N, C-alpha and C. Protein backbone atom coordinates (compact mmCIF):
# COMPACT_ATOMS: atom_id res chain seq x y z
N LEU A 1 -54.48 -10.27 -23.07
CA LEU A 1 -55.42 -10.41 -24.16
C LEU A 1 -56.53 -11.40 -23.78
N LEU A 2 -56.14 -12.48 -23.14
CA LEU A 2 -57.13 -13.48 -22.73
C LEU A 2 -58.10 -12.89 -21.71
N GLN A 3 -57.58 -12.18 -20.73
CA GLN A 3 -58.44 -11.57 -19.71
C GLN A 3 -59.34 -10.50 -20.32
N PHE A 4 -58.79 -9.72 -21.24
CA PHE A 4 -59.58 -8.70 -21.91
C PHE A 4 -60.74 -9.33 -22.67
N THR A 5 -60.45 -10.40 -23.40
CA THR A 5 -61.48 -11.10 -24.17
C THR A 5 -62.54 -11.69 -23.24
N SER A 6 -62.10 -12.24 -22.13
CA SER A 6 -63.01 -12.83 -21.16
C SER A 6 -63.96 -11.77 -20.60
N LYS A 7 -63.42 -10.63 -20.22
CA LYS A 7 -64.25 -9.55 -19.69
C LYS A 7 -65.22 -9.03 -20.75
N LEU A 8 -64.76 -8.96 -21.98
CA LEU A 8 -65.61 -8.52 -23.08
C LEU A 8 -66.77 -9.50 -23.30
N MET A 9 -66.47 -10.80 -23.24
CA MET A 9 -67.51 -11.81 -23.39
C MET A 9 -68.52 -11.75 -22.23
N GLU A 10 -68.03 -11.53 -21.02
CA GLU A 10 -68.92 -11.40 -19.87
C GLU A 10 -69.87 -10.22 -20.04
N ALA A 11 -69.30 -9.09 -20.44
CA ALA A 11 -70.12 -7.89 -20.62
C ALA A 11 -71.16 -8.11 -21.73
N ALA A 12 -70.75 -8.75 -22.81
CA ALA A 12 -71.67 -9.00 -23.92
C ALA A 12 -72.80 -9.95 -23.50
N SER A 13 -72.45 -11.00 -22.74
CA SER A 13 -73.50 -11.94 -22.32
C SER A 13 -74.46 -11.29 -21.33
N GLU A 14 -73.93 -10.49 -20.41
CA GLU A 14 -74.79 -9.80 -19.45
C GLU A 14 -75.73 -8.82 -20.18
N LYS A 15 -75.19 -8.10 -21.15
CA LYS A 15 -76.00 -7.15 -21.91
C LYS A 15 -77.08 -7.88 -22.71
N PHE A 16 -76.70 -9.01 -23.30
CA PHE A 16 -77.66 -9.78 -24.08
C PHE A 16 -78.78 -10.31 -23.20
N ILE A 17 -78.43 -10.87 -22.06
CA ILE A 17 -79.44 -11.43 -21.15
C ILE A 17 -80.35 -10.31 -20.63
N ALA A 18 -79.77 -9.17 -20.29
CA ALA A 18 -80.57 -8.05 -19.79
C ALA A 18 -81.53 -7.52 -20.85
N SER A 19 -81.15 -7.65 -22.11
CA SER A 19 -81.99 -7.10 -23.19
C SER A 19 -83.09 -8.06 -23.65
N MET A 20 -83.12 -9.27 -23.12
CA MET A 20 -84.14 -10.24 -23.53
C MET A 20 -85.50 -9.84 -22.97
N LYS A 21 -86.40 -9.44 -23.85
CA LYS A 21 -87.73 -8.97 -23.42
C LYS A 21 -88.54 -10.08 -22.77
N GLU A 22 -88.36 -11.31 -23.25
CA GLU A 22 -89.16 -12.44 -22.75
C GLU A 22 -88.94 -12.72 -21.27
N ILE A 23 -87.77 -12.39 -20.75
CA ILE A 23 -87.48 -12.72 -19.35
C ILE A 23 -87.26 -11.47 -18.49
N LYS A 24 -87.65 -10.33 -19.00
CA LYS A 24 -87.43 -9.08 -18.26
C LYS A 24 -88.07 -9.12 -16.87
N ALA A 25 -89.24 -9.70 -16.76
CA ALA A 25 -89.96 -9.76 -15.47
C ALA A 25 -89.45 -10.90 -14.58
N LEU A 26 -88.69 -11.83 -15.14
CA LEU A 26 -88.22 -12.99 -14.38
C LEU A 26 -86.81 -12.74 -13.85
N THR A 27 -86.74 -12.02 -12.77
CA THR A 27 -85.46 -11.59 -12.20
C THR A 27 -84.57 -12.76 -11.81
N ARG A 28 -85.15 -13.77 -11.20
CA ARG A 28 -84.35 -14.92 -10.76
C ARG A 28 -83.75 -15.66 -11.95
N LEU A 29 -84.53 -15.78 -13.02
CA LEU A 29 -84.03 -16.45 -14.22
C LEU A 29 -82.90 -15.64 -14.85
N ARG A 30 -83.06 -14.33 -14.91
CA ARG A 30 -81.99 -13.47 -15.45
C ARG A 30 -80.72 -13.60 -14.62
N THR A 31 -80.89 -13.60 -13.32
CA THR A 31 -79.73 -13.74 -12.43
C THR A 31 -79.06 -15.09 -12.63
N PHE A 32 -79.86 -16.13 -12.74
CA PHE A 32 -79.33 -17.47 -12.96
C PHE A 32 -78.56 -17.54 -14.28
N LEU A 33 -79.17 -17.05 -15.36
CA LEU A 33 -78.52 -17.08 -16.67
C LEU A 33 -77.22 -16.27 -16.67
N THR A 34 -77.24 -15.13 -16.01
CA THR A 34 -76.04 -14.30 -15.94
C THR A 34 -74.93 -15.01 -15.19
N SER A 35 -75.28 -15.61 -14.06
CA SER A 35 -74.24 -16.30 -13.28
C SER A 35 -73.70 -17.52 -14.02
N LYS A 36 -74.59 -18.26 -14.70
CA LYS A 36 -74.14 -19.42 -15.47
C LYS A 36 -73.24 -19.00 -16.63
N SER A 37 -73.61 -17.93 -17.31
CA SER A 37 -72.78 -17.48 -18.43
C SER A 37 -71.40 -17.04 -17.92
N CYS A 38 -71.37 -16.39 -16.76
CA CYS A 38 -70.08 -15.99 -16.18
C CYS A 38 -69.25 -17.22 -15.80
N GLU A 39 -69.90 -18.24 -15.25
CA GLU A 39 -69.19 -19.48 -14.91
C GLU A 39 -68.61 -20.14 -16.15
N VAL A 40 -69.39 -20.20 -17.22
CA VAL A 40 -68.92 -20.83 -18.46
C VAL A 40 -67.75 -20.04 -19.04
N ILE A 41 -67.86 -18.73 -19.04
CA ILE A 41 -66.78 -17.90 -19.57
C ILE A 41 -65.52 -18.06 -18.73
N GLU A 42 -65.67 -18.10 -17.42
CA GLU A 42 -64.51 -18.31 -16.53
C GLU A 42 -63.86 -19.67 -16.79
N SER A 43 -64.70 -20.68 -16.96
CA SER A 43 -64.19 -22.02 -17.26
C SER A 43 -63.44 -22.04 -18.59
N LEU A 44 -64.00 -21.39 -19.58
CA LEU A 44 -63.33 -21.31 -20.89
C LEU A 44 -62.00 -20.57 -20.80
N GLU A 45 -61.97 -19.51 -20.00
CA GLU A 45 -60.73 -18.75 -19.82
C GLU A 45 -59.65 -19.62 -19.17
N LYS A 46 -60.02 -20.36 -18.14
CA LYS A 46 -59.05 -21.23 -17.46
C LYS A 46 -58.53 -22.32 -18.40
N GLU A 47 -59.44 -22.94 -19.14
CA GLU A 47 -59.05 -24.00 -20.07
C GLU A 47 -58.16 -23.46 -21.18
N THR A 48 -58.51 -22.29 -21.69
CA THR A 48 -57.70 -21.68 -22.74
C THR A 48 -56.32 -21.34 -22.21
N LYS A 49 -56.25 -20.80 -21.00
CA LYS A 49 -54.94 -20.47 -20.41
C LYS A 49 -54.10 -21.73 -20.23
N ARG A 50 -54.73 -22.80 -19.78
CA ARG A 50 -54.00 -24.06 -19.59
C ARG A 50 -53.46 -24.56 -20.92
N LYS A 51 -54.30 -24.52 -21.95
CA LYS A 51 -53.86 -25.00 -23.27
C LYS A 51 -52.76 -24.11 -23.85
N LEU A 52 -52.87 -22.81 -23.64
CA LEU A 52 -51.83 -21.91 -24.12
C LEU A 52 -50.51 -22.16 -23.39
N ASP A 53 -50.59 -22.35 -22.08
CA ASP A 53 -49.38 -22.65 -21.31
C ASP A 53 -48.74 -23.96 -21.78
N ASP A 54 -49.55 -24.97 -22.03
CA ASP A 54 -49.03 -26.24 -22.55
C ASP A 54 -48.35 -26.04 -23.89
N PHE A 55 -48.98 -25.27 -24.76
CA PHE A 55 -48.42 -25.02 -26.09
C PHE A 55 -47.09 -24.27 -25.98
N ILE A 56 -47.05 -23.27 -25.12
CA ILE A 56 -45.81 -22.50 -24.95
C ILE A 56 -44.70 -23.39 -24.40
N GLN A 57 -45.02 -24.26 -23.46
CA GLN A 57 -44.02 -25.19 -22.92
C GLN A 57 -43.48 -26.11 -24.00
N ARG A 58 -44.38 -26.62 -24.86
CA ARG A 58 -43.93 -27.50 -25.95
C ARG A 58 -43.05 -26.75 -26.93
N GLU A 59 -43.37 -25.50 -27.19
CA GLU A 59 -42.62 -24.73 -28.17
C GLU A 59 -41.27 -24.26 -27.64
N LYS A 60 -41.05 -24.34 -26.34
CA LYS A 60 -39.76 -23.96 -25.77
C LYS A 60 -38.65 -24.92 -26.20
N VAL A 61 -39.03 -26.14 -26.48
CA VAL A 61 -38.07 -27.14 -26.92
C VAL A 61 -38.16 -27.25 -28.44
N PRO A 62 -37.12 -26.81 -29.14
CA PRO A 62 -37.20 -26.88 -30.60
C PRO A 62 -37.26 -28.33 -31.08
N TYR A 63 -37.98 -28.52 -32.15
CA TYR A 63 -38.14 -29.86 -32.68
C TYR A 63 -38.05 -29.80 -34.20
N THR A 64 -37.26 -30.68 -34.75
CA THR A 64 -37.20 -30.81 -36.19
C THR A 64 -36.73 -32.23 -36.52
N GLN A 65 -37.09 -32.69 -37.69
CA GLN A 65 -36.61 -33.99 -38.14
C GLN A 65 -35.47 -33.82 -39.14
N ASP A 66 -34.99 -32.61 -39.26
CA ASP A 66 -33.92 -32.29 -40.20
C ASP A 66 -32.58 -32.65 -39.57
N HIS A 67 -32.04 -33.79 -39.90
CA HIS A 67 -30.77 -34.24 -39.30
C HIS A 67 -29.63 -33.32 -39.70
N TYR A 68 -29.69 -32.70 -40.86
CA TYR A 68 -28.65 -31.79 -41.31
C TYR A 68 -28.55 -30.60 -40.35
N LEU A 69 -29.68 -30.09 -39.92
CA LEU A 69 -29.70 -28.98 -38.98
C LEU A 69 -29.05 -29.39 -37.65
N PHE A 70 -29.40 -30.56 -37.13
CA PHE A 70 -28.80 -31.02 -35.89
C PHE A 70 -27.29 -31.21 -36.02
N GLU A 71 -26.84 -31.72 -37.14
CA GLU A 71 -25.40 -31.90 -37.36
C GLU A 71 -24.69 -30.55 -37.35
N ASN A 72 -25.28 -29.56 -38.02
CA ASN A 72 -24.66 -28.24 -38.05
C ASN A 72 -24.65 -27.57 -36.68
N ILE A 73 -25.73 -27.71 -35.96
CA ILE A 73 -25.77 -27.13 -34.61
C ILE A 73 -24.73 -27.80 -33.73
N SER A 74 -24.64 -29.10 -33.81
CA SER A 74 -23.65 -29.83 -33.02
C SER A 74 -22.23 -29.41 -33.39
N ARG A 75 -21.98 -29.26 -34.67
CA ARG A 75 -20.65 -28.85 -35.14
C ARG A 75 -20.34 -27.44 -34.64
N LEU A 76 -21.30 -26.54 -34.75
CA LEU A 76 -21.07 -25.17 -34.30
C LEU A 76 -20.88 -25.07 -32.79
N ARG A 77 -21.55 -25.91 -32.04
CA ARG A 77 -21.37 -25.91 -30.59
C ARG A 77 -19.97 -26.35 -30.20
N SER A 78 -19.40 -27.24 -30.96
CA SER A 78 -18.09 -27.76 -30.60
C SER A 78 -16.94 -26.86 -31.08
N GLN A 79 -17.23 -25.91 -31.96
CA GLN A 79 -16.17 -24.99 -32.43
C GLN A 79 -15.88 -23.93 -31.38
N ARG A 80 -14.66 -23.46 -31.43
CA ARG A 80 -14.27 -22.38 -30.53
C ARG A 80 -14.90 -21.09 -30.99
N LEU A 81 -15.18 -20.20 -30.05
CA LEU A 81 -15.80 -18.92 -30.40
C LEU A 81 -14.78 -17.97 -31.04
N MET A 82 -13.53 -18.08 -30.63
CA MET A 82 -12.51 -17.20 -31.22
C MET A 82 -11.30 -17.99 -31.58
C-alpha cells in the first residue's frame, strides 16, 4: 500500500509539473522540479516505512495498566492445560 501510494504521488507530481504552462518551455526547470519531487516522495516513503515499522514493533509487546488482566494471565499460565 505504501509503495502504491508513493508511485501514485510520483505520477501525480510529474503530471502536474508537465501540465504547468508557465514552465513548458523551461525544460531544465521541469526536469529539476520533477527530480526534486521524486526525491521528496522517496524520502517521505522511507520515513513513513520507518515509522510504521517502529509502531509495529511497539505493538508486538502488549501493554496495559490493568493489573487484574495481568493477574488473570499469570494465573492461567500456571494452570495445567488438561
